């Protein structure tokens, strides 16, 4: 029973607002994706992808998962 409580997700308190950790990780992942896509557009790497919006979605998912695993405590 004690291990279940320690593995349960906790909310992040922002003033009086409690937000789920996955939402925070998704927002940070979206910001990282935006920076990455701008860098790829500046370096003209977007021309190597057949479907650039799919690459952007994939980067968002990858960044969200990595941030939620390594930086956001749950």
PDB file of N, CA and C in Angstrom:
ATOM      1  N   UNK A   1       0.819  -1.187   0.000  1.00  0.00           N
ATOM      2  CA  UNK A   1       0.000   0.000   0.000  1.00  0.00           C
ATOM      3  C   UNK A   1       0.870   1.260   0.000  1.00  0.00           C
ATOM      4  N   UNK A   2       1.958   1.233   0.739  1.00  0.00           N
ATOM      5  CA  UNK A   2       2.829   2.385   0.825  1.00  0.00           C
ATOM      6  C   UNK A   2       3.535   2.659  -0.501  1.00  0.00           C
ATOM      7  N   UNK A   3       3.902   1.610  -1.256  1.00  0.00           N
ATOM      8  CA  UNK A   3       4.569   1.826  -2.543  1.00  0.00           C
ATOM      9  C   UNK A   3       3.600   2.420  -3.563  1.00  0.00           C
ATOM     10  N   UNK A   4       2.310   2.101  -3.447  1.00  0.00           N
ATOM     11  CA  UNK A   4       1.333   2.693  -4.356  1.00  0.00           C
ATOM     12  C   UNK A   4       1.216   4.197  -4.125  1.00  0.00           C
ATOM     13  N   UNK A   5       1.229   4.618  -2.879  1.00  0.00           N
ATOM     14  CA  UNK A   5       1.104   6.037  -2.586  1.00  0.00           C
ATOM     15  C   UNK A   5       2.328   6.816  -3.027  1.00  0.00           C
ATOM     16  N   UNK A   6       3.496   6.196  -2.959  1.00  0.00           N
ATOM     17  CA  UNK A   6       4.694   6.907  -3.389  1.00  0.00           C
ATOM     18  C   UNK A   6       4.786   6.976  -4.913  1.00  0.00           C
ATOM     19  N   UNK A   7       4.109   6.076  -5.631  1.00  0.00           N
ATOM     20  CA  UNK A   7       4.143   6.073  -7.087  1.00  0.00           C
ATOM     21  C   UNK A   7       2.994   6.877  -7.692  1.00  0.00           C
ATOM     22  N   UNK A   8       2.062   7.309  -6.874  1.00  0.00           N
ATOM     23  CA  UNK A   8       0.929   8.076  -7.394  1.00  0.00           C
ATOM     24  C   UNK A   8       1.395   9.463  -7.831  1.00  0.00           C
ATOM     25  N   UNK A   9       0.871   9.964  -8.955  1.00  0.00           N
ATOM     26  CA  UNK A   9       1.306  11.293  -9.417  1.00  0.00           C
ATOM     27  C   UNK A   9       0.836  12.399  -8.479  1.00  0.00           C
ATOM     28  N   UNK A  10       1.633  13.441  -8.410  1.00  0.00           N
ATOM     29  CA  UNK A  10       1.308  14.582  -7.567  1.00  0.00           C
ATOM     30  C   UNK A  10       1.105  15.802  -8.437  1.00  0.00           C
ATOM     31  N   UNK A  11       0.280  16.715  -7.993  1.00  0.00           N
ATOM     32  CA  UNK A  11       0.043  17.941  -8.728  1.00  0.00           C
ATOM     33  C   UNK A  11       1.142  18.949  -8.426  1.00  0.00           C
ATOM     34  N   UNK A  12       1.344  19.854  -9.371  1.00  0.00           N
ATOM     35  CA  UNK A  12       2.299  20.937  -9.182  1.00  0.00           C
ATOM     36  C   UNK A  12       1.496  22.183  -8.842  1.00  0.00           C
ATOM     37  N   UNK A  13       1.851  22.822  -7.736  1.00  0.00           N
ATOM     38  CA  UNK A  13       1.106  23.987  -7.269  1.00  0.00           C
ATOM     39  C   UNK A  13       1.700  25.259  -7.867  1.00  0.00           C
ATOM     40  N   UNK A  14       0.882  25.992  -8.604  1.00  0.00           N
ATOM     41  CA  UNK A  14       1.240  27.300  -9.122  1.00  0.00           C
ATOM     42  C   UNK A  14       0.289  28.300  -8.481  1.00  0.00           C
ATOM     43  N   UNK A  15       0.744  28.925  -7.409  1.00  0.00           N
ATOM     44  CA  UNK A  15      -0.078  29.821  -6.621  1.00  0.00           C
ATOM     45  C   UNK A  15      -1.243  29.018  -6.034  1.00  0.00           C
ATOM     46  N   UNK A  16      -2.485  29.315  -6.415  1.00  0.00           N
ATOM     47  CA  UNK A  16      -3.629  28.556  -5.916  1.00  0.00           C
ATOM     48  C   UNK A  16      -4.148  27.563  -6.944  1.00  0.00           C
ATOM     49  N   UNK A  17      -3.413  27.348  -7.996  1.00  0.00           N
ATOM     50  CA  UNK A  17      -3.840  26.466  -9.069  1.00  0.00           C
ATOM     51  C   UNK A  17      -2.989  25.206  -9.066  1.00  0.00           C
ATOM     52  N   UNK A  18      -3.642  24.059  -9.043  1.00  0.00           N
ATOM     53  CA  UNK A  18      -2.941  22.785  -9.095  1.00  0.00           C
ATOM     54  C   UNK A  18      -3.044  22.225 -10.505  1.00  0.00           C
ATOM     55  N   UNK A  19      -1.900  21.929 -11.124  1.00  0.00           N
ATOM     56  CA  UNK A  19      -1.888  21.407 -12.485  1.00  0.00           C
ATOM     57  C   UNK A  19      -1.187  20.054 -12.494  1.00  0.00           C
ATOM     58  N   UNK A  20      -1.634  19.154 -13.377  1.00  0.00           N
ATOM     59  CA  UNK A  20      -1.000  17.846 -13.462  1.00  0.00           C
ATOM     60  C   UNK A  20       0.418  17.956 -14.023  1.00  0.00           C
ATOM     61  N   UNK A  21       1.304  17.086 -13.584  1.00  0.00           N
ATOM     62  CA  UNK A  21       2.685  17.138 -14.065  1.00  0.00           C
ATOM     63  C   UNK A  21       2.810  16.910 -15.568  1.00  0.00           C
ATOM     64  N   UNK A  22       1.936  16.096 -16.139  1.00  0.00           N
ATOM     65  CA  UNK A  22       2.013  15.837 -17.570  1.00  0.00           C
ATOM     66  C   UNK A  22       1.671  17.084 -18.381  1.00  0.00           C
ATOM     67  N   UNK A  23       0.768  17.912 -17.874  1.00  0.00           N
ATOM     68  CA  UNK A  23       0.441  19.158 -18.558  1.00  0.00           C
ATOM     69  C   UNK A  23       1.634  20.105 -18.566  1.00  0.00           C
ATOM     70  N   UNK A  24       2.329  20.187 -17.456  1.00  0.00           N
ATOM     71  CA  UNK A  24       3.521  21.032 -17.390  1.00  0.00           C
ATOM     72  C   UNK A  24       4.596  20.501 -18.329  1.00  0.00           C
ATOM     73  N   UNK A  25       4.791  19.186 -18.337  1.00  0.00           N
ATOM     74  CA  UNK A  25       5.786  18.582 -19.233  1.00  0.00           C
ATOM     75  C   UNK A  25       5.406  18.801 -20.696  1.00  0.00           C
ATOM     76  N   UNK A  26       4.121  18.733 -21.012  1.00  0.00           N
ATOM     77  CA  UNK A  26       3.676  18.945 -22.390  1.00  0.00           C
ATOM     78  C   UNK A  26       3.896  20.387 -22.829  1.00  0.00           C
ATOM     79  N   UNK A  27       3.648  21.334 -21.950  1.00  0.00           N
ATOM     80  CA  UNK A  27       3.875  22.743 -22.294  1.00  0.00           C
ATOM     81  C   UNK A  27       5.358  23.036 -22.501  1.00  0.00           C
ATOM     82  N   UNK A  28       6.201  22.493 -21.649  1.00  0.00           N
ATOM     83  CA  UNK A  28       7.649  22.677 -21.812  1.00  0.00           C
ATOM     84  C   UNK A  28       8.126  21.971 -23.078  1.00  0.00           C
ATOM     85  N   UNK A  29       7.587  20.777 -23.346  1.00  0.00           N
ATOM     86  CA  UNK A  29       7.929  20.059 -24.577  1.00  0.00           C
ATOM     87  C   UNK A  29       7.508  20.818 -25.814  1.00  0.00           C
ATOM     88  N   UNK A  30       6.379  21.503 -25.747  1.00  0.00           N
ATOM     89  CA  UNK A  30       5.913  22.319 -26.868  1.00  0.00           C
ATOM     90  C   UNK A  30       6.840  23.508 -27.105  1.00  0.00           C
ATOM     91  N   UNK A  31       7.317  24.106 -26.042  1.00  0.00           N
ATOM     92  CA  UNK A  31       8.263  25.223 -26.176  1.00  0.00           C
ATOM     93  C   UNK A  31       9.575  24.726 -26.786  1.00  0.00           C
ATOM     94  N   UNK A  32      10.085  23.592 -26.293  1.00  0.00           N
ATOM     95  CA  UNK A  32      11.319  23.032 -26.853  1.00  0.00           C
ATOM     96  C   UNK A  32      11.141  22.669 -28.322  1.00  0.00           C
ATOM     97  N   UNK A  33       9.966  22.142 -28.675  1.00  0.00           N
ATOM     98  CA  UNK A  33       9.698  21.800 -30.063  1.00  0.00           C
ATOM     99  C   UNK A  33       9.668  23.043 -30.939  1.00  0.00           C
ATOM    100  N   UNK A  34       9.076  24.101 -30.437  1.00  0.00           N
ATOM    101  CA  UNK A  34       9.027  25.344 -31.196  1.00  0.00           C
ATOM    102  C   UNK A  34      10.433  25.878 -31.472  1.00  0.00           C
ATOM    103  N   UNK A  35      11.292  25.829 -30.458  1.00  0.00           N
ATOM    104  CA  UNK A  35      12.674  26.279 -30.640  1.00  0.00           C
ATOM    105  C   UNK A  35      13.403  25.382 -31.637  1.00  0.00           C
ATOM    106  N   UNK A  36      13.198  24.079 -31.532  1.00  0.00           N
ATOM    107  CA  UNK A  36      13.856  23.133 -32.436  1.00  0.00           C
ATOM    108  C   UNK A  36      13.391  23.321 -33.874  1.00  0.00           C
ATOM    109  N   UNK A  37      12.093  23.508 -34.072  1.00  0.00           N
ATOM    110  CA  UNK A  37      11.561  23.686 -35.424  1.00  0.00           C
ATOM    111  C   UNK A  37      12.066  24.994 -36.034  1.00  0.00           C
ATOM    112  N   UNK A  38      12.137  26.051 -35.241  1.00  0.00           N
ATOM    113  CA  UNK A  38      12.688  27.312 -35.762  1.00  0.00           C
ATOM    114  C   UNK A  38      14.149  27.153 -36.165  1.00  0.00           C
ATOM    115  N   UNK A  39      14.905  26.414 -35.358  1.00  0.00           N
ATOM    116  CA  UNK A  39      16.304  26.162 -35.693  1.00  0.00           C
ATOM    117  C   UNK A  39      16.415  25.321 -36.966  1.00  0.00           C
ATOM    118  N   UNK A  40      15.555  24.307 -37.077  1.00  0.00           N
ATOM    119  CA  UNK A  40      15.573  23.468 -38.289  1.00  0.00           C
ATOM    120  C   UNK A  40      15.175  24.272 -39.516  1.00  0.00           C
ATOM    121  N   UNK A  41      14.226  25.189 -39.392  1.00  0.00           N
ATOM    122  CA  UNK A  41      13.833  26.032 -40.520  1.00  0.00           C
ATOM    123  C   UNK A  41      14.945  27.007 -40.898  1.00  0.00           C
ATOM    124  N   UNK A  42      15.627  27.528 -39.908  1.00  0.00           N
ATOM    125  CA  UNK A  42      16.721  28.461 -40.186  1.00  0.00           C
ATOM    126  C   UNK A  42      17.877  27.746 -40.898  1.00  0.00           C
ATOM    127  N   UNK A  43      18.135  26.509 -40.507  1.00  0.00           N
ATOM    128  CA  UNK A  43      19.193  25.724 -41.144  1.00  0.00           C
ATOM    129  C   UNK A  43      18.718  25.003 -42.407  1.00  0.00           C
ATOM    130  N   UNK A  44      17.431  25.184 -42.749  1.00  0.00           N
ATOM    131  CA  UNK A  44      16.795  24.587 -43.922  1.00  0.00           C
ATOM    132  C   UNK A  44      16.818  23.055 -43.894  1.00  0.00           C
ATOM    133  N   UNK A  45      16.703  22.486 -42.708  1.00  0.00           N
ATOM    134  CA  UNK A  45      16.634  21.030 -42.579  1.00  0.00           C
ATOM    135  C   UNK A  45      15.235  20.504 -42.818  1.00  0.00           C
ATOM    136  N   UNK A  46      14.228  21.384 -42.801  1.00  0.00           N
ATOM    137  CA  UNK A  46      12.852  20.939 -43.002  1.00  0.00           C
ATOM    138  C   UNK A  46      12.643  20.342 -44.394  1.00  0.00           C
ATOM    139  N   UNK A  47      13.486  20.673 -45.325  1.00  0.00           N
ATOM    140  CA  UNK A  47      13.329  20.152 -46.689  1.00  0.00           C
ATOM    141  C   UNK A  47      13.652  18.659 -46.784  1.00  0.00           C
ATOM    142  N   UNK A  48      14.299  18.086 -45.768  1.00  0.00           N
ATOM    143  CA  UNK A  48      14.636  16.665 -45.784  1.00  0.00           C
ATOM    144  C   UNK A  48      13.491  15.774 -45.286  1.00  0.00           C
ATOM    145  N   UNK A  49      12.411  16.373 -44.810  1.00  0.00           N
ATOM    146  CA  UNK A  49      11.280  15.618 -44.277  1.00  0.00           C
ATOM    147  C   UNK A  49      10.112  15.682 -45.242  1.00  0.00           C
ATOM    148  N   UNK A  50       9.455  14.549 -45.415  1.00  0.00           N
ATOM    149  CA  UNK A  50       8.309  14.489 -46.323  1.00  0.00           C
ATOM    150  C   UNK A  50       7.104  15.196 -45.706  1.00  0.00           C
ATOM    151  N   UNK A  51       6.864  14.950 -44.412  1.00  0.00           N
ATOM    152  CA  UNK A  51       5.719  15.534 -43.724  1.00  0.00           C
ATOM    153  C   UNK A  51       6.236  16.294 -42.493  1.00  0.00           C
ATOM    154  N   UNK A  52       6.597  17.570 -42.638  1.00  0.00           N
ATOM    155  CA  UNK A  52       7.139  18.333 -41.501  1.00  0.00           C
ATOM    156  C   UNK A  52       6.203  18.445 -40.288  1.00  0.00           C
ATOM    157  N   UNK A  53       4.872  18.564 -40.453  1.00  0.00           N
ATOM    158  CA  UNK A  53       4.033  18.605 -39.242  1.00  0.00           C
ATOM    159  C   UNK A  53       4.091  17.308 -38.424  1.00  0.00           C
ATOM    160  N   UNK A  54       4.293  16.191 -39.092  1.00  0.00           N
ATOM    161  CA  UNK A  54       4.419  14.930 -38.364  1.00  0.00           C
ATOM    162  C   UNK A  54       5.727  14.891 -37.572  1.00  0.00           C
ATOM    163  N   UNK A  55       6.767  15.468 -38.122  1.00  0.00           N
ATOM    164  CA  UNK A  55       8.037  15.568 -37.409  1.00  0.00           C
ATOM    165  C   UNK A  55       7.877  16.469 -36.189  1.00  0.00           C
ATOM    166  N   UNK A  56       7.130  17.562 -36.347  1.00  0.00           N
ATOM    167  CA  UNK A  56       6.892  18.465 -35.225  1.00  0.00           C
ATOM    168  C   UNK A  56       6.086  17.778 -34.122  1.00  0.00           C
ATOM    169  N   UNK A  57       5.078  17.024 -34.494  1.00  0.00           N
ATOM    170  CA  UNK A  57       4.298  16.273 -33.504  1.00  0.00           C
ATOM    171  C   UNK A  57       5.163  15.231 -32.805  1.00  0.00           C
ATOM    172  N   UNK A  58       6.001  14.555 -33.567  1.00  0.00           N
ATOM    173  CA  UNK A  58       6.880  13.535 -32.987  1.00  0.00           C
ATOM    174  C   UNK A  58       7.873  14.158 -32.014  1.00  0.00           C
ATOM    175  N   UNK A  59       8.429  15.299 -32.369  1.00  0.00           N
ATOM    176  CA  UNK A  59       9.344  15.986 -31.460  1.00  0.00           C
ATOM    177  C   UNK A  59       8.632  16.413 -30.179  1.00  0.00           C
ATOM    178  N   UNK A  60       7.402  16.853 -30.301  1.00  0.00           N
ATOM    179  CA  UNK A  60       6.640  17.241 -29.114  1.00  0.00           C
ATOM    180  C   UNK A  60       6.438  16.056 -28.187  1.00  0.00           C
ATOM    181  N   UNK A  61       6.089  14.924 -28.743  1.00  0.00           N
ATOM    182  CA  UNK A  61       5.888  13.718 -27.923  1.00  0.00           C
ATOM    183  C   UNK A  61       7.202  13.277 -27.291  1.00  0.00           C
ATOM    184  N   UNK A  62       8.283  13.292 -28.057  1.00  0.00           N
ATOM    185  CA  UNK A  62       9.586  12.868 -27.527  1.00  0.00           C
ATOM    186  C   UNK A  62      10.033  13.790 -26.407  1.00  0.00           C
ATOM    187  N   UNK A  63       9.942  15.108 -26.623  1.00  0.00           N
ATOM    188  CA  UNK A  63      10.338  16.045 -25.573  1.00  0.00           C
ATOM    189  C   UNK A  63       9.453  15.904 -24.339  1.00  0.00           C
ATOM    190  N   UNK A  64       8.157  15.725 -24.523  1.00  0.00           N
ATOM    191  CA  UNK A  64       7.245  15.584 -23.385  1.00  0.00           C
ATOM    192  C   UNK A  64       7.584  14.355 -22.561  1.00  0.00           C
ATOM    193  N   UNK A  65       7.845  13.243 -23.209  1.00  0.00           N
ATOM    194  CA  UNK A  65       8.177  12.009 -22.489  1.00  0.00           C
ATOM    195  C   UNK A  65       9.503  12.165 -21.763  1.00  0.00           C
ATOM    196  N   UNK A  66      10.504  12.722 -22.421  1.00  0.00           N
ATOM    197  CA  UNK A  66      11.811  12.880 -21.769  1.00  0.00           C
ATOM    198  C   UNK A  66      11.742  13.840 -20.582  1.00  0.00           C
ATOM    199  N   UNK A  67      11.005  14.916 -20.723  1.00  0.00           N
ATOM    200  CA  UNK A  67      10.866  15.857 -19.616  1.00  0.00           C
ATOM    201  C   UNK A  67      10.091  15.242 -18.468  1.00  0.00           C
ATOM    202  N   UNK A  68       9.037  14.493 -18.778  1.00  0.00           N
ATOM    203  CA  UNK A  68       8.239  13.889 -17.708  1.00  0.00           C
ATOM    204  C   UNK A  68       9.004  12.781 -16.995  1.00  0.00           C
ATOM    205  N   UNK A  69       9.921  12.125 -17.681  1.00  0.00           N
ATOM    206  CA  UNK A  69      10.699  11.062 -17.039  1.00  0.00           C
ATOM    207  C   UNK A  69      11.830  11.633 -16.183  1.00  0.00           C
ATOM    208  N   UNK A  70      12.580  12.590 -16.748  1.00  0.00           N
ATOM    209  CA  UNK A  70      13.816  13.012 -16.097  1.00  0.00           C
ATOM    210  C   UNK A  70      13.714  14.292 -15.260  1.00  0.00           C
ATOM    211  N   UNK A  71      12.764  15.181 -15.536  1.00  0.00           N
ATOM    212  CA  UNK A  71      12.763  16.473 -14.859  1.00  0.00           C
ATOM    213  C   UNK A  71      11.553  16.736 -13.974  1.00  0.00           C
ATOM    214  N   UNK A  72      10.408  16.179 -14.300  1.00  0.00           N
ATOM    215  CA  UNK A  72       9.203  16.416 -13.508  1.00  0.00           C
ATOM    216  C   UNK A  72       9.029  15.244 -12.543  1.00  0.00           C
ATOM    217  N   UNK A  73       9.136  15.492 -11.241  1.00  0.00           N
ATOM    218  CA  UNK A  73       8.957  14.377 -10.308  1.00  0.00           C
ATOM    219  C   UNK A  73       7.497  13.962 -10.223  1.00  0.00           C
ATOM    220  N   UNK A  74       7.281  12.680 -10.173  1.00  0.00           N
ATOM    221  CA  UNK A  74       5.897  12.208 -10.046  1.00  0.00           C
ATOM    222  C   UNK A  74       5.737  11.308  -8.845  1.00  0.00           C
TER     223      UNK A  74
END
